[in-house]
Amino acid sequence: PQVKEKVIQVLARNGFNFGSTFWETVKVPKEKLEIQIQKTREGSRDVTAPKHGEVDPTDSPHVGGNTWAGGTGGADTAGLGGKGGPYRLSNFKNPVYQISDEEKAKISKE
């Protein structure tokens, strides 16, 4: 019961509100429960002004957001997997998330 409550809280915090009937269809394994949540944004951010970005002193992973240097999947900041930024930059500690193939196709060849 505690695992189920925690999972519902995490899902709700990330915009997934399934209600109480959610667990009627889910079987929780006794050994290990691994859940991966991936949020996708409707639409996309255009590249406007490539920049280095702010340096995060905690070295936390950052996906999109157009703020942090060394993040992934962004539009203007230096990082990996995005569509803009003045150069590629990574701390090689955090996972890399790439923009979709659809978004890649929209990038100018210039």
C-alpha atoms as a PDB file:
ATOM      1  CA  PRO A   1       0.000   0.000   0.000  1.00  0.00           C
ATOM      2  CA  GLN A   2       2.820   2.483   0.780  1.00  0.00           C
ATOM      3  CA  VAL A   3       4.432   1.938  -2.619  1.00  0.00           C
ATOM      4  CA  LYS A   4       1.131   2.476  -4.388  1.00  0.00           C
ATOM      5  CA  GLU A   5       0.463   5.706  -2.488  1.00  0.00           C
ATOM      6  CA  LYS A   6       3.955   7.015  -3.264  1.00  0.00           C
ATOM      7  CA  VAL A   7       3.614   6.200  -6.958  1.00  0.00           C
ATOM      8  CA  ILE A   8       0.243   7.974  -7.142  1.00  0.00           C
ATOM      9  CA  GLN A   9       1.807  11.034  -5.459  1.00  0.00           C
ATOM     10  CA  VAL A  10       4.739  11.102  -7.894  1.00  0.00           C
ATOM     11  CA  LEU A  11       2.464  10.669 -10.897  1.00  0.00           C
ATOM     12  CA  ALA A  12       0.096  13.399  -9.675  1.00  0.00           C
ATOM     13  CA  ARG A  13       3.037  15.764  -9.114  1.00  0.00           C
ATOM     14  CA  ASN A  14       3.969  15.233 -12.756  1.00  0.00           C
ATOM     15  CA  GLY A  15       0.488  15.919 -14.095  1.00  0.00           C
ATOM     16  CA  PHE A  16      -0.807  12.349 -14.277  1.00  0.00           C
ATOM     17  CA  ASN A  17      -4.037  12.082 -12.301  1.00  0.00           C
ATOM     18  CA  PHE A  18      -5.462   8.585 -12.666  1.00  0.00           C
ATOM     19  CA  GLY A  19      -7.689   8.452  -9.609  1.00  0.00           C
ATOM     20  CA  SER A  20      -8.375   5.456  -7.413  1.00  0.00           C
ATOM     21  CA  THR A  21      -9.216   3.056 -10.264  1.00  0.00           C
ATOM     22  CA  PHE A  22      -5.612   3.216 -11.520  1.00  0.00           C
ATOM     23  CA  TRP A  23      -4.456   0.380  -9.262  1.00  0.00           C
ATOM     24  CA  GLU A  24      -7.222  -1.981 -10.323  1.00  0.00           C
ATOM     25  CA  THR A  25      -5.285  -2.628 -13.549  1.00  0.00           C
ATOM     26  CA  VAL A  26      -1.702  -2.443 -12.232  1.00  0.00           C
ATOM     27  CA  LYS A  27       0.196  -5.398 -10.808  1.00  0.00           C
ATOM     28  CA  VAL A  28       3.107  -4.389  -8.559  1.00  0.00           C
ATOM     29  CA  PRO A  29       6.007  -6.888  -8.613  1.00  0.00           C
ATOM     30  CA  LYS A  30       7.352  -7.883  -5.219  1.00  0.00           C
ATOM     31  CA  GLU A  31      11.026  -7.670  -6.245  1.00  0.00           C
ATOM     32  CA  LYS A  32      11.358  -4.243  -7.765  1.00  0.00           C
ATOM     33  CA  LEU A  33       9.155  -1.556  -9.249  1.00  0.00           C
ATOM     34  CA  GLU A  34      10.801   0.724 -11.777  1.00  0.00           C
ATOM     35  CA  ILE A  35       8.860   3.584 -13.322  1.00  0.00           C
ATOM     36  CA  GLN A  36      10.114   6.074 -15.864  1.00  0.00           C
ATOM     37  CA  ILE A  37       8.150   9.250 -16.527  1.00  0.00           C
ATOM     38  CA  GLN A  38       8.783  11.184 -19.690  1.00  0.00           C
ATOM     39  CA  LYS A  39       7.036  14.487 -20.232  1.00  0.00           C
ATOM     40  CA  THR A  40       6.725  15.927 -23.703  1.00  0.00           C
ATOM     41  CA  ARG A  41       5.911  19.510 -24.421  1.00  0.00           C
ATOM     42  CA  GLU A  42       3.264  20.512 -26.929  1.00  0.00           C
ATOM     43  CA  GLY A  43       4.882  22.730 -29.506  1.00  0.00           C
ATOM     44  CA  SER A  44       8.481  23.737 -29.276  1.00  0.00           C
ATOM     45  CA  ARG A  45      10.713  26.612 -28.397  1.00  0.00           C
ATOM     46  CA  ASP A  46      12.394  28.379 -31.295  1.00  0.00           C
ATOM     47  CA  VAL A  47      16.093  29.120 -31.239  1.00  0.00           C
ATOM     48  CA  THR A  48      16.379  32.838 -30.494  1.00  0.00           C
ATOM     49  CA  ALA A  49      19.707  33.829 -28.950  1.00  0.00           C
ATOM     50  CA  PRO A  50      22.345  31.116 -28.454  1.00  0.00           C
ATOM     51  CA  LYS A  51      24.118  31.557 -25.108  1.00  0.00           C
ATOM     52  CA  HIS A  52      26.337  29.696 -22.652  1.00  0.00           C
ATOM     53  CA  GLY A  53      23.664  29.556 -19.911  1.00  0.00           C
ATOM     54  CA  GLU A  54      23.907  29.645 -16.127  1.00  0.00           C
ATOM     55  CA  VAL A  55      26.219  27.226 -14.311  1.00  0.00           C
ATOM     56  CA  ASP A  56      24.444  25.007 -11.773  1.00  0.00           C
ATOM     57  CA  PRO A  57      26.713  24.600  -8.730  1.00  0.00           C
ATOM     58  CA  THR A  58      24.897  21.369  -7.763  1.00  0.00           C
ATOM     59  CA  ASP A  59      25.538  19.735 -11.173  1.00  0.00           C
ATOM     60  CA  SER A  60      21.918  18.573 -11.298  1.00  0.00           C
ATOM     61  CA  PRO A  61      20.544  17.237 -14.587  1.00  0.00           C
ATOM     62  CA  HIS A  62      18.527  19.771 -16.597  1.00  0.00           C
ATOM     63  CA  VAL A  63      16.267  18.957 -19.551  1.00  0.00           C
ATOM     64  CA  GLY A  64      15.029  21.858 -21.670  1.00  0.00           C
ATOM     65  CA  GLY A  65      14.129  25.066 -19.891  1.00  0.00           C
ATOM     66  CA  ASN A  66      16.600  27.290 -21.779  1.00  0.00           C
ATOM     67  CA  THR A  67      18.465  28.271 -18.607  1.00  0.00           C
ATOM     68  CA  TRP A  68      21.334  25.954 -17.691  1.00  0.00           C
ATOM     69  CA  ALA A  69      24.689  25.360 -19.374  1.00  0.00           C
ATOM     70  CA  GLY A  70      25.384  21.673 -20.012  1.00  0.00           C
ATOM     71  CA  GLY A  71      21.738  20.599 -19.963  1.00  0.00           C
ATOM     72  CA  THR A  72      20.086  18.465 -22.638  1.00  0.00           C
ATOM     73  CA  GLY A  73      17.313  18.961 -25.164  1.00  0.00           C
ATOM     74  CA  GLY A  74      17.241  22.755 -24.972  1.00  0.00           C
ATOM     75  CA  ALA A  75      16.894  25.525 -27.530  1.00  0.00           C
ATOM     76  CA  ASP A  76      19.489  28.238 -26.877  1.00  0.00           C
ATOM     77  CA  THR A  77      21.920  27.128 -24.155  1.00  0.00           C
ATOM     78  CA  ALA A  78      25.147  25.193 -24.639  1.00  0.00           C
ATOM     79  CA  GLY A  79      24.430  21.508 -24.020  1.00  0.00           C
ATOM     80  CA  LEU A  80      23.660  18.207 -25.764  1.00  0.00           C
ATOM     81  CA  GLY A  81      20.630  16.899 -27.641  1.00  0.00           C
ATOM     82  CA  GLY A  82      19.065  20.303 -28.249  1.00  0.00           C
ATOM     83  CA  LYS A  83      18.531  22.376 -31.348  1.00  0.00           C
ATOM     84  CA  GLY A  84      20.478  25.541 -30.650  1.00  0.00           C
ATOM     85  CA  GLY A  85      23.235  26.718 -28.403  1.00  0.00           C
ATOM     86  CA  PRO A  86      26.572  28.124 -29.473  1.00  0.00           C
ATOM     87  CA  TYR A  87      28.436  24.830 -28.863  1.00  0.00           C
ATOM     88  CA  ARG A  88      28.060  21.341 -27.346  1.00  0.00           C
ATOM     89  CA  LEU A  89      28.688  21.068 -23.603  1.00  0.00           C
ATOM     90  CA  SER A  90      28.266  18.218 -21.094  1.00  0.00           C
ATOM     91  CA  ASN A  91      29.481  17.176 -17.663  1.00  0.00           C
ATOM     92  CA  PHE A  92      29.205  13.516 -18.809  1.00  0.00           C
ATOM     93  CA  LYS A  93      27.482  12.596 -15.532  1.00  0.00           C
ATOM     94  CA  ASN A  94      23.834  13.093 -16.468  1.00  0.00           C
ATOM     95  CA  PRO A  95      21.746  11.290 -19.123  1.00  0.00           C
ATOM     96  CA  VAL A  96      21.309  12.987 -22.492  1.00  0.00           C
ATOM     97  CA  TYR A  97      17.800  13.612 -23.815  1.00  0.00           C
ATOM     98  CA  GLN A  98      17.429  14.580 -27.444  1.00  0.00           C
ATOM     99  CA  ILE A  99      14.739  16.562 -29.166  1.00  0.00           C
ATOM    100  CA  SER A 100      12.433  14.526 -31.399  1.00  0.00           C
ATOM    101  CA  ASP A 101      13.276  13.677 -35.008  1.00  0.00           C
ATOM    102  CA  GLU A 102      10.371  15.933 -35.991  1.00  0.00           C
ATOM    103  CA  GLU A 103      12.005  18.891 -34.190  1.00  0.00           C
ATOM    104  CA  LYS A 104      15.403  18.034 -35.697  1.00  0.00           C
ATOM    105  CA  ALA A 105      13.881  18.178 -39.187  1.00  0.00           C
ATOM    106  CA  LYS A 106      12.708  21.758 -38.542  1.00  0.00           C
ATOM    107  CA  ILE A 107      16.235  23.037 -37.858  1.00  0.00           C
ATOM    108  CA  SER A 108      17.732  25.236 -40.563  1.00  0.00           C
ATOM    109  CA  LYS A 109      20.865  23.868 -42.256  1.00  0.00           C
ATOM    110  CA  GLU A 110      22.558  27.263 -41.746  1.00  0.00           C
END
